[in-house]
Amino acid sequence: MSIEQEIAAGKGLSLAQAAASLPGRRGQRTSPQTVLRWALKGTRGASGSVVRLEAARLGASWVTSREALARFISALSVTTRPQQPAPRSAALEAGKVLKELGL
């Protein structure tokens, strides 16, 4: 379901309501401005990619949904498998050749 469909179904949240439903940091509440920044610019996820909160402009205000928040949080938490270091077979082979030559 798209964010527009969720809002049309009555599941829309203002950014202030969305911020109030999230835990804060260091004893402070999450700001609605933070939620707007997540929608407009996004934030880096665990995999290093930029993740944006789904939101829609409704008149003069922005609206999101609980489902969009859940998808956003899930996308932030997804990690990719760490990349394996490049094979060093060429360097090992060169080391063997040098050892055979006595160098």
PDB file of N, CA and C in Angstrom:
ATOM      1  N   MET A   1       0.848  -1.171   0.000  1.00  0.00           N
ATOM      2  CA  MET A   1       0.000   0.000   0.000  1.00  0.00           C
ATOM      3  C   MET A   1       0.896   1.237   0.000  1.00  0.00           C
ATOM      4  N   SER A   2       0.599   2.205  -0.855  1.00  0.00           N
ATOM      5  CA  SER A   2       1.415   3.413  -0.931  1.00  0.00           C
ATOM      6  C   SER A   2       1.049   4.375   0.199  1.00  0.00           C
ATOM      7  N   ILE A   3       1.901   5.349   0.408  1.00  0.00           N
ATOM      8  CA  ILE A   3       1.658   6.327   1.474  1.00  0.00           C
ATOM      9  C   ILE A   3       0.363   7.093   1.201  1.00  0.00           C
ATOM     10  N   GLU A   4       0.092   7.385  -0.075  1.00  0.00           N
ATOM     11  CA  GLU A   4      -1.136   8.100  -0.424  1.00  0.00           C
ATOM     12  C   GLU A   4      -2.372   7.266  -0.085  1.00  0.00           C
ATOM     13  N   GLN A   5      -2.308   5.972  -0.354  1.00  0.00           N
ATOM     14  CA  GLN A   5      -3.430   5.084  -0.037  1.00  0.00           C
ATOM     15  C   GLN A   5      -3.628   4.969   1.474  1.00  0.00           C
ATOM     16  N   GLU A   6      -2.527   4.908   2.214  1.00  0.00           N
ATOM     17  CA  GLU A   6      -2.625   4.832   3.674  1.00  0.00           C
ATOM     18  C   GLU A   6      -3.259   6.099   4.246  1.00  0.00           C
ATOM     19  N   ILE A   7      -2.882   7.255   3.699  1.00  0.00           N
ATOM     20  CA  ILE A   7      -3.454   8.520   4.165  1.00  0.00           C
ATOM     21  C   ILE A   7      -4.937   8.582   3.813  1.00  0.00           C
ATOM     22  N   ALA A   8      -5.276   8.172   2.586  1.00  0.00           N
ATOM     23  CA  ALA A   8      -6.679   8.184   2.155  1.00  0.00           C
ATOM     24  C   ALA A   8      -7.533   7.232   2.996  1.00  0.00           C
ATOM     25  N   ALA A   9      -6.920   6.165   3.506  1.00  0.00           N
ATOM     26  CA  ALA A   9      -7.645   5.204   4.343  1.00  0.00           C
ATOM     27  C   ALA A   9      -7.783   5.691   5.787  1.00  0.00           C
ATOM     28  N   GLY A  10      -7.304   6.905   6.066  1.00  0.00           N
ATOM     29  CA  GLY A  10      -7.443   7.467   7.407  1.00  0.00           C
ATOM     30  C   GLY A  10      -6.312   7.112   8.347  1.00  0.00           C
ATOM     31  N   LYS A  11      -5.211   6.597   7.811  1.00  0.00           N
ATOM     32  CA  LYS A  11      -4.087   6.197   8.658  1.00  0.00           C
ATOM     33  C   LYS A  11      -2.997   7.268   8.725  1.00  0.00           C
ATOM     34  N   GLY A  12      -3.300   8.474   8.257  1.00  0.00           N
ATOM     35  CA  GLY A  12      -2.298   9.530   8.221  1.00  0.00           C
ATOM     36  C   GLY A  12      -1.958  10.072   9.594  1.00  0.00           C
ATOM     37  N   LEU A  13      -0.692  10.448   9.752  1.00  0.00           N
ATOM     38  CA  LEU A  13      -0.204  11.082  10.982  1.00  0.00           C
ATOM     39  C   LEU A  13       0.483  12.384  10.604  1.00  0.00           C
ATOM     40  N   SER A  14       0.258  13.423  11.379  1.00  0.00           N
ATOM     41  CA  SER A  14       1.051  14.632  11.183  1.00  0.00           C
ATOM     42  C   SER A  14       2.481  14.321  11.625  1.00  0.00           C
ATOM     43  N   LEU A  15       3.413  15.162  11.214  1.00  0.00           N
ATOM     44  CA  LEU A  15       4.800  14.917  11.618  1.00  0.00           C
ATOM     45  C   LEU A  15       4.966  15.055  13.128  1.00  0.00           C
ATOM     46  N   ALA A  16       4.169  15.919  13.750  1.00  0.00           N
ATOM     47  CA  ALA A  16       4.216  16.048  15.213  1.00  0.00           C
ATOM     48  C   ALA A  16       3.722  14.771  15.883  1.00  0.00           C
ATOM     49  N   GLN A  17       2.653  14.180  15.342  1.00  0.00           N
ATOM     50  CA  GLN A  17       2.155  12.915  15.894  1.00  0.00           C
ATOM     51  C   GLN A  17       3.172  11.799  15.679  1.00  0.00           C
ATOM     52  N   ALA A  18       3.798  11.789  14.506  1.00  0.00           N
ATOM     53  CA  ALA A  18       4.815  10.770  14.225  1.00  0.00           C
ATOM     54  C   ALA A  18       5.993  10.922  15.182  1.00  0.00           C
ATOM     55  N   ALA A  19       6.432  12.160  15.401  1.00  0.00           N
ATOM     56  CA  ALA A  19       7.554  12.410  16.310  1.00  0.00           C
ATOM     57  C   ALA A  19       7.208  11.989  17.732  1.00  0.00           C
ATOM     58  N   ALA A  20       5.976  12.252  18.152  1.00  0.00           N
ATOM     59  CA  ALA A  20       5.555  11.897  19.512  1.00  0.00           C
ATOM     60  C   ALA A  20       5.491  10.385  19.712  1.00  0.00           C
ATOM     61  N   SER A  21       5.309   9.640  18.631  1.00  0.00           N
ATOM     62  CA  SER A  21       5.208   8.182  18.758  1.00  0.00           C
ATOM     63  C   SER A  21       6.573   7.496  18.777  1.00  0.00           C
ATOM     64  N   LEU A  22       7.636   8.259  18.548  1.00  0.00           N
ATOM     65  CA  LEU A  22       8.984   7.687  18.509  1.00  0.00           C
ATOM     66  C   LEU A  22       9.735   7.972  19.805  1.00  0.00           C
ATOM     67  N   PRO A  23      10.627   7.067  20.204  1.00  0.00           N
ATOM     68  CA  PRO A  23      11.445   7.342  21.392  1.00  0.00           C
ATOM     69  C   PRO A  23      12.462   8.436  21.081  1.00  0.00           C
ATOM     70  N   GLY A  24      12.782   9.214  22.078  1.00  0.00           N
ATOM     71  CA  GLY A  24      13.763  10.272  21.905  1.00  0.00           C
ATOM     72  C   GLY A  24      15.163   9.800  22.262  1.00  0.00           C
ATOM     73  N   ARG A  25      16.070  10.743  22.243  1.00  0.00           N
ATOM     74  CA  ARG A  25      17.458  10.465  22.625  1.00  0.00           C
ATOM     75  C   ARG A  25      17.834  11.336  23.807  1.00  0.00           C
ATOM     76  N   ARG A  26      18.601  10.773  24.708  1.00  0.00           N
ATOM     77  CA  ARG A  26      19.146  11.510  25.848  1.00  0.00           C
ATOM     78  C   ARG A  26      18.061  12.243  26.637  1.00  0.00           C
ATOM     79  N   GLY A  27      16.921  11.582  26.799  1.00  0.00           N
ATOM     80  CA  GLY A  27      15.853  12.155  27.595  1.00  0.00           C
ATOM     81  C   GLY A  27      15.031  13.223  26.896  1.00  0.00           C
ATOM     82  N   GLN A  28      15.311  13.490  25.623  1.00  0.00           N
ATOM     83  CA  GLN A  28      14.547  14.495  24.889  1.00  0.00           C
ATOM     84  C   GLN A  28      13.660  13.821  23.854  1.00  0.00           C
ATOM     85  N   ARG A  29      12.564  14.480  23.518  1.00  0.00           N
ATOM     86  CA  ARG A  29      11.640  13.939  22.527  1.00  0.00           C
ATOM     87  C   ARG A  29      12.197  14.122  21.118  1.00  0.00           C
ATOM     88  N   THR A  30      11.696  13.305  20.201  1.00  0.00           N
ATOM     89  CA  THR A  30      12.043  13.467  18.797  1.00  0.00           C
ATOM     90  C   THR A  30      11.298  14.680  18.265  1.00  0.00           C
ATOM     91  N   SER A  31      11.991  15.545  17.555  1.00  0.00           N
ATOM     92  CA  SER A  31      11.400  16.769  17.035  1.00  0.00           C
ATOM     93  C   SER A  31      10.659  16.506  15.721  1.00  0.00           C
ATOM     94  N   PRO A  32       9.546  17.187  15.479  1.00  0.00           N
ATOM     95  CA  PRO A  32       8.889  17.075  14.177  1.00  0.00           C
ATOM     96  C   PRO A  32       9.812  17.502  13.031  1.00  0.00           C
ATOM     97  N   GLN A  33      10.722  18.428  13.305  1.00  0.00           N
ATOM     98  CA  GLN A  33      11.692  18.850  12.289  1.00  0.00           C
ATOM     99  C   GLN A  33      12.602  17.688  11.894  1.00  0.00           C
ATOM    100  N   THR A  34      12.942  16.834  12.841  1.00  0.00           N
ATOM    101  CA  THR A  34      13.744  15.647  12.549  1.00  0.00           C
ATOM    102  C   THR A  34      12.988  14.716  11.613  1.00  0.00           C
ATOM    103  N   VAL A  35      11.707  14.524  11.870  1.00  0.00           N
ATOM    104  CA  VAL A  35      10.884  13.659  11.024  1.00  0.00           C
ATOM    105  C   VAL A  35      10.790  14.251   9.618  1.00  0.00           C
ATOM    106  N   LEU A  36      10.654  15.573   9.504  1.00  0.00           N
ATOM    107  CA  LEU A  36      10.622  16.227   8.192  1.00  0.00           C
ATOM    108  C   LEU A  36      11.952  16.035   7.463  1.00  0.00           C
ATOM    109  N   ARG A  37      13.059  16.157   8.182  1.00  0.00           N
ATOM    110  CA  ARG A  37      14.379  15.949   7.577  1.00  0.00           C
ATOM    111  C   ARG A  37      14.516  14.520   7.062  1.00  0.00           C
ATOM    112  N   TRP A  38      13.999  13.533   7.814  1.00  0.00           N
ATOM    113  CA  TRP A  38      14.034  12.141   7.354  1.00  0.00           C
ATOM    114  C   TRP A  38      13.247  11.986   6.063  1.00  0.00           C
ATOM    115  N   ALA A  39      12.140  12.723   5.927  1.00  0.00           N
ATOM    116  CA  ALA A  39      11.318  12.625   4.721  1.00  0.00           C
ATOM    117  C   ALA A  39      11.983  13.322   3.535  1.00  0.00           C
ATOM    118  N   LEU A  40      12.594  14.472   3.769  1.00  0.00           N
ATOM    119  CA  LEU A  40      13.153  15.249   2.665  1.00  0.00           C
ATOM    120  C   LEU A  40      14.556  14.809   2.266  1.00  0.00           C
ATOM    121  N   LYS A  41      15.424  14.603   3.241  1.00  0.00           N
ATOM    122  CA  LYS A  41      16.824  14.285   2.953  1.00  0.00           C
ATOM    123  C   LYS A  41      17.182  12.840   3.236  1.00  0.00           C
ATOM    124  N   GLY A  42      16.465  12.206   4.144  1.00  0.00           N
ATOM    125  CA  GLY A  42      16.783  10.840   4.530  1.00  0.00           C
ATOM    126  C   GLY A  42      17.912  10.798   5.542  1.00  0.00           C
ATOM    127  N   THR A  43      18.298   9.602   5.892  1.00  0.00           N
ATOM    128  CA  THR A  43      19.406   9.382   6.814  1.00  0.00           C
ATOM    129  C   THR A  43      20.107   8.089   6.415  1.00  0.00           C
ATOM    130  N   ARG A  44      21.339   7.926   6.802  1.00  0.00           N
ATOM    131  CA  ARG A  44      22.108   6.736   6.421  1.00  0.00           C
ATOM    132  C   ARG A  44      21.666   5.523   7.227  1.00  0.00           C
ATOM    133  N   GLY A  45      21.441   4.433   6.522  1.00  0.00           N
ATOM    134  CA  GLY A  45      21.078   3.179   7.166  1.00  0.00           C
ATOM    135  C   GLY A  45      22.312   2.392   7.556  1.00  0.00           C
ATOM    136  N   ALA A  46      22.111   1.238   8.141  1.00  0.00           N
ATOM    137  CA  ALA A  46      23.214   0.387   8.586  1.00  0.00           C
ATOM    138  C   ALA A  46      24.071  -0.073   7.415  1.00  0.00           C
ATOM    139  N   SER A  47      23.482  -0.183   6.225  1.00  0.00           N
ATOM    140  CA  SER A  47      24.234  -0.634   5.054  1.00  0.00           C
ATOM    141  C   SER A  47      24.967   0.512   4.372  1.00  0.00           C
ATOM    142  N   GLY A  48      24.749   1.746   4.831  1.00  0.00           N
ATOM    143  CA  GLY A  48      25.416   2.894   4.242  1.00  0.00           C
ATOM    144  C   GLY A  48      24.581   3.624   3.204  1.00  0.00           C
ATOM    145  N   SER A  49      23.460   3.074   2.810  1.00  0.00           N
ATOM    146  CA  SER A  49      22.613   3.733   1.820  1.00  0.00           C
ATOM    147  C   SER A  49      21.683   4.732   2.509  1.00  0.00           C
ATOM    148  N   VAL A  50      21.215   5.710   1.744  1.00  0.00           N
ATOM    149  CA  VAL A  50      20.307   6.719   2.279  1.00  0.00           C
ATOM    150  C   VAL A  50      18.887   6.162   2.286  1.00  0.00           C
ATOM    151  N   VAL A  51      18.216   6.286   3.420  1.00  0.00           N
ATOM    152  CA  VAL A  51      16.844   5.801   3.588  1.00  0.00           C
ATOM    153  C   VAL A  51      15.963   7.009   3.884  1.00  0.00           C
ATOM    154  N   ARG A  52      14.870   7.150   3.138  1.00  0.00           N
ATOM    155  CA  ARG A  52      13.940   8.261   3.339  1.00  0.00           C
ATOM    156  C   ARG A  52      12.617   7.760   3.915  1.00  0.00           C
ATOM    157  N   LEU A  53      12.047   8.563   4.787  1.00  0.00           N
ATOM    158  CA  LEU A  53      10.724   8.287   5.335  1.00  0.00           C
ATOM    159  C   LEU A  53       9.685   8.675   4.290  1.00  0.00           C
ATOM    160  N   GLU A  54       8.743   7.784   4.030  1.00  0.00           N
ATOM    161  CA  GLU A  54       7.671   8.096   3.090  1.00  0.00           C
ATOM    162  C   GLU A  54       6.739   9.112   3.734  1.00  0.00           C
ATOM    163  N   ALA A  55       6.486  10.203   3.031  1.00  0.00           N
ATOM    164  CA  ALA A  55       5.577  11.238   3.507  1.00  0.00           C
ATOM    165  C   ALA A  55       4.983  11.932   2.291  1.00  0.00           C
ATOM    166  N   ALA A  56       3.857  12.573   2.490  1.00  0.00           N
ATOM    167  CA  ALA A  56       3.191  13.282   1.400  1.00  0.00           C
ATOM    168  C   ALA A  56       2.782  14.666   1.882  1.00  0.00           C
ATOM    169  N   ARG A  57       2.793  15.592   0.957  1.00  0.00           N
ATOM    170  CA  ARG A  57       2.355  16.952   1.256  1.00  0.00           C
ATOM    171  C   ARG A  57       0.838  16.986   1.171  1.00  0.00           C
ATOM    172  N   LEU A  58       0.200  17.494   2.185  1.00  0.00           N
ATOM    173  CA  LEU A  58      -1.258  17.599   2.213  1.00  0.00           C
ATOM    174  C   LEU A  58      -1.589  19.042   2.575  1.00  0.00           C
ATOM    175  N   GLY A  59      -1.860  19.844   1.566  1.00  0.00           N
ATOM    176  CA  GLY A  59      -2.055  21.272   1.795  1.00  0.00           C
ATOM    177  C   GLY A  59      -0.749  21.904   2.228  1.00  0.00           C
ATOM    178  N   ALA A  60      -0.771  22.562   3.372  1.00  0.00           N
ATOM    179  CA  ALA A  60       0.430  23.228   3.872  1.00  0.00           C
ATOM    180  C   ALA A  60       1.230  22.356   4.826  1.00  0.00           C
ATOM    181  N   SER A  61       0.790  21.128   5.048  1.00  0.00           N
ATOM    182  CA  SER A  61       1.485  20.279   6.023  1.00  0.00           C
ATOM    183  C   SER A  61       1.934  18.967   5.386  1.00  0.00           C
ATOM    184  N   TRP A  62       2.790  18.280   6.105  1.00  0.00           N
ATOM    185  CA  TRP A  62       3.294  16.972   5.683  1.00  0.00           C
ATOM    186  C   TRP A  62       2.616  15.895   6.511  1.00  0.00           C
ATOM    187  N   VAL A  63       2.352  14.749   5.883  1.00  0.00           N
ATOM    188  CA  VAL A  63       1.679  13.642   6.552  1.00  0.00           C
ATOM    189  C   VAL A  63       2.430  12.352   6.240  1.00  0.00           C
ATOM    190  N   THR A  64       2.510  11.474   7.219  1.00  0.00           N
ATOM    191  CA  THR A  64       3.093  10.149   7.040  1.00  0.00           C
ATOM    192  C   THR A  64       2.140   9.149   7.692  1.00  0.00           C
ATOM    193  N   SER A  65       2.583   7.924   7.895  1.00  0.00           N
ATOM    194  CA  SER A  65       1.720   6.920   8.532  1.00  0.00           C
ATOM    195  C   SER A  65       2.555   6.022   9.435  1.00  0.00           C
ATOM    196  N   ARG A  66       1.884   5.291  10.309  1.00  0.00           N
ATOM    197  CA  ARG A  66       2.587   4.336  11.180  1.00  0.00           C
ATOM    198  C   ARG A  66       3.277   3.262  10.346  1.00  0.00           C
ATOM    199  N   GLU A  67       2.607   2.834   9.285  1.00  0.00           N
ATOM    200  CA  GLU A  67       3.191   1.813   8.412  1.00  0.00           C
ATOM    201  C   GLU A  67       4.461   2.340   7.744  1.00  0.00           C
ATOM    202  N   ALA A  68       4.435   3.619   7.316  1.00  0.00           N
ATOM    203  CA  ALA A  68       5.621   4.220   6.701  1.00  0.00           C
ATOM    204  C   ALA A  68       6.755   4.314   7.719  1.00  0.00           C
ATOM    205  N   LEU A  69       6.423   4.661   8.967  1.00  0.00           N
ATOM    206  CA  LEU A  69       7.445   4.694  10.024  1.00  0.00           C
ATOM    207  C   LEU A  69       8.041   3.307  10.242  1.00  0.00           C
ATOM    208  N   ALA A  70       7.195   2.284  10.234  1.00  0.00           N
ATOM    209  CA  ALA A  70       7.683   0.913  10.429  1.00  0.00           C
ATOM    210  C   ALA A  70       8.606   0.506   9.282  1.00  0.00           C
ATOM    211  N   ARG A  71       8.237   0.854   8.041  1.00  0.00           N
ATOM    212  CA  ARG A  71       9.097   0.530   6.893  1.00  0.00           C
ATOM    213  C   ARG A  71      10.420   1.281   6.978  1.00  0.00           C
ATOM    214  N   PHE A  72      10.367   2.541   7.423  1.00  0.00           N
ATOM    215  CA  PHE A  72      11.563   3.364   7.571  1.00  0.00           C
ATOM    216  C   PHE A  72      12.511   2.759   8.606  1.00  0.00           C
ATOM    217  N   ILE A  73      11.970   2.382   9.752  1.00  0.00           N
ATOM    218  CA  ILE A  73      12.790   1.789  10.816  1.00  0.00           C
ATOM    219  C   ILE A  73      13.382   0.459  10.357  1.00  0.00           C
ATOM    220  N   SER A  74      12.597  -0.342   9.657  1.00  0.00           N
ATOM    221  CA  SER A  74      13.101  -1.624   9.145  1.00  0.00           C
ATOM    222  C   SER A  74      14.222  -1.410   8.140  1.00  0.00           C
ATOM    223  N   ALA A  75      14.052  -0.427   7.266  1.00  0.00           N
ATOM    224  CA  ALA A  75      15.075  -0.154   6.254  1.00  0.00           C
ATOM    225  C   ALA A  75      16.365   0.350   6.895  1.00  0.00           C
ATOM    226  N   LEU A  76      16.254   1.090   8.001  1.00  0.00           N
ATOM    227  CA  LEU A  76      17.453   1.567   8.691  1.00  0.00           C
ATOM    228  C   LEU A  76      18.210   0.423   9.348  1.00  0.00           C
ATOM    229  N   SER A  77      17.493  -0.600   9.745  1.00  0.00           N
ATOM    230  CA  SER A  77      18.094  -1.702  10.494  1.00  0.00           C
ATOM    231  C   SER A  77      18.706  -2.778   9.615  1.00  0.00           C
ATOM    232  N   VAL A  78      18.381  -2.788   8.339  1.00  0.00           N
ATOM    233  CA  VAL A  78      18.873  -3.837   7.438  1.00  0.00           C
ATOM    234  C   VAL A  78      20.368  -3.656   7.212  1.00  0.00           C
ATOM    235  N   THR A  79      21.096  -4.730   7.409  1.00  0.00           N
ATOM    236  CA  THR A  79      22.532  -4.695   7.140  1.00  0.00           C
ATOM    237  C   THR A  79      22.845  -5.628   5.985  1.00  0.00           C
ATOM    238  N   THR A  80      23.882  -5.298   5.282  1.00  0.00           N
ATOM    239  CA  THR A  80      24.344  -6.177   4.221  1.00  0.00           C
ATOM    240  C   THR A  80      25.533  -6.961   4.739  1.00  0.00           C
ATOM    241  N   ARG A  81      25.794  -8.054   4.090  1.00  0.00           N
ATOM    242  CA  ARG A  81      26.929  -8.866   4.485  1.00  0.00           C
ATOM    243  C   ARG A  81      28.214  -8.074   4.238  1.00  0.00           C
ATOM    244  N   PRO A  82      29.149  -8.063   5.176  1.00  0.00           N
ATOM    245  CA  PRO A  82      30.386  -7.318   4.955  1.00  0.00           C
ATOM    246  C   PRO A  82      31.136  -7.871   3.751  1.00  0.00           C
ATOM    247  N   GLN A  83      31.760  -6.962   3.016  1.00  0.00           N
ATOM    248  CA  GLN A  83      32.509  -7.380   1.842  1.00  0.00           C
ATOM    249  C   GLN A  83      33.765  -8.135   2.259  1.00  0.00           C
ATOM    250  N   GLN A  84      34.050  -9.181   1.507  1.00  0.00           N
ATOM    251  CA  GLN A  84      35.260  -9.954   1.753  1.00  0.00           C
ATOM    252  C   GLN A  84      36.456  -9.187   1.204  1.00  0.00           C
ATOM    253  N   PRO A  85      37.589  -9.275   1.861  1.00  0.00           N
ATOM    254  CA  PRO A  85      38.767  -8.605   1.326  1.00  0.00           C
ATOM    255  C   PRO A  85      39.129  -9.183  -0.040  1.00  0.00           C
ATOM    256  N   ALA A  86      39.755  -8.364  -0.848  1.00  0.00           N
ATOM    257  CA  ALA A  86      40.147  -8.793  -2.189  1.00  0.00           C
ATOM    258  C   ALA A  86      41.126  -9.959  -2.096  1.00  0.00           C
ATOM    259  N   PRO A  87      41.036 -10.892  -3.016  1.00  0.00           N
ATOM    260  CA  PRO A  87      41.963 -12.024  -2.992  1.00  0.00           C
ATOM    261  C   PRO A  87      43.405 -11.547  -3.142  1.00  0.00           C
ATOM    262  N   ARG A  88      44.272 -12.186  -2.429  1.00  0.00           N
ATOM    263  CA  ARG A  88      45.682 -11.794  -2.460  1.00  0.00           C
ATOM    264  C   ARG A  88      46.520 -12.859  -3.149  1.00  0.00           C
ATOM    265  N   SER A  89      45.886 -13.600  -4.035  1.00  0.00           N
ATOM    266  CA  SER A  89      46.603 -14.697  -4.684  1.00  0.00           C
ATOM    267  C   SER A  89      47.778 -14.198  -5.513  1.00  0.00           C
ATOM    268  N   ALA A  90      47.633 -13.053  -6.185  1.00  0.00           N
ATOM    269  CA  ALA A  90      48.729 -12.537  -7.006  1.00  0.00           C
ATOM    270  C   ALA A  90      49.928 -12.189  -6.128  1.00  0.00           C
ATOM    271  N   ALA A  91      49.683 -11.569  -4.988  1.00  0.00           N
ATOM    272  CA  ALA A  91      50.774 -11.212  -4.086  1.00  0.00           C
ATOM    273  C   ALA A  91      51.416 -12.463  -3.497  1.00  0.00           C
ATOM    274  N   LEU A  92      50.605 -13.460  -3.147  1.00  0.00           N
ATOM    275  CA  LEU A  92      51.157 -14.706  -2.614  1.00  0.00           C
ATOM    276  C   LEU A  92      51.993 -15.423  -3.668  1.00  0.00           C
ATOM    277  N   GLU A  93      51.497 -15.439  -4.903  1.00  0.00           N
ATOM    278  CA  GLU A  93      52.236 -16.080  -6.002  1.00  0.00           C
ATOM    279  C   GLU A  93      53.566 -15.375  -6.234  1.00  0.00           C
ATOM    280  N   ALA A  94      53.566 -14.051  -6.209  1.00  0.00           N
ATOM    281  CA  ALA A  94      54.806 -13.300  -6.390  1.00  0.00           C
ATOM    282  C   ALA A  94      55.778 -13.593  -5.253  1.00  0.00           C
ATOM    283  N   GLY A  95      55.256 -13.732  -4.036  1.00  0.00           N
ATOM    284  CA  GLY A  95      56.112 -14.063  -2.898  1.00  0.00           C
ATOM    285  C   GLY A  95      56.754 -15.426  -3.057  1.00  0.00           C
ATOM    286  N   LYS A  96      56.021 -16.393  -3.589  1.00  0.00           N
ATOM    287  CA  LYS A  96      56.573 -17.729  -3.826  1.00  0.00           C
ATOM    288  C   LYS A  96      57.681 -17.685  -4.868  1.00  0.00           C
ATOM    289  N   VAL A  97      57.452 -16.922  -5.930  1.00  0.00           N
ATOM    290  CA  VAL A  97      58.462 -16.811  -6.994  1.00  0.00           C
ATOM    291  C   VAL A  97      59.729 -16.180  -6.440  1.00  0.00           C
ATOM    292  N   LEU A  98      59.591 -15.119  -5.654  1.00  0.00           N
ATOM    293  CA  LEU A  98      60.762 -14.468  -5.073  1.00  0.00           C
ATOM    294  C   LEU A  98      61.501 -15.399  -4.123  1.00  0.00           C
ATOM    295  N   LYS A  99      60.762 -16.202  -3.380  1.00  0.00           N
ATOM    296  CA  LYS A  99      61.381 -17.142  -2.451  1.00  0.00           C
ATOM    297  C   LYS A  99      62.167 -18.202  -3.216  1.00  0.00           C
ATOM    298  N   GLU A 100      61.600 -18.673  -4.339  1.00  0.00           N
ATOM    299  CA  GLU A 100      62.293 -19.665  -5.167  1.00  0.00           C
ATOM    300  C   GLU A 100      63.567 -19.092  -5.766  1.00  0.00           C
ATOM    301  N   LEU A 101      63.541 -17.785  -6.068  1.00  0.00           N
ATOM    302  CA  LEU A 101      64.724 -17.139  -6.638  1.00  0.00           C
ATOM    303  C   LEU A 101      65.753 -16.794  -5.567  1.00  0.00           C
ATOM    304  N   GLY A 102      65.380 -16.960  -4.320  1.00  0.00           N
ATOM    305  CA  GLY A 102      66.307 -16.691  -3.225  1.00  0.00           C
ATOM    306  C   GLY A 102      66.332 -15.238  -2.801  1.00  0.00           C
ATOM    307  N   LEU A 103      65.347 -14.513  -3.177  1.00  0.00           N
ATOM    308  CA  LEU A 103      65.300 -13.091  -2.797  1.00  0.00           C
ATOM    309  C   LEU A 103      64.431 -12.863  -1.599  1.00  0.00           C
TER     310      LEU A 103
END
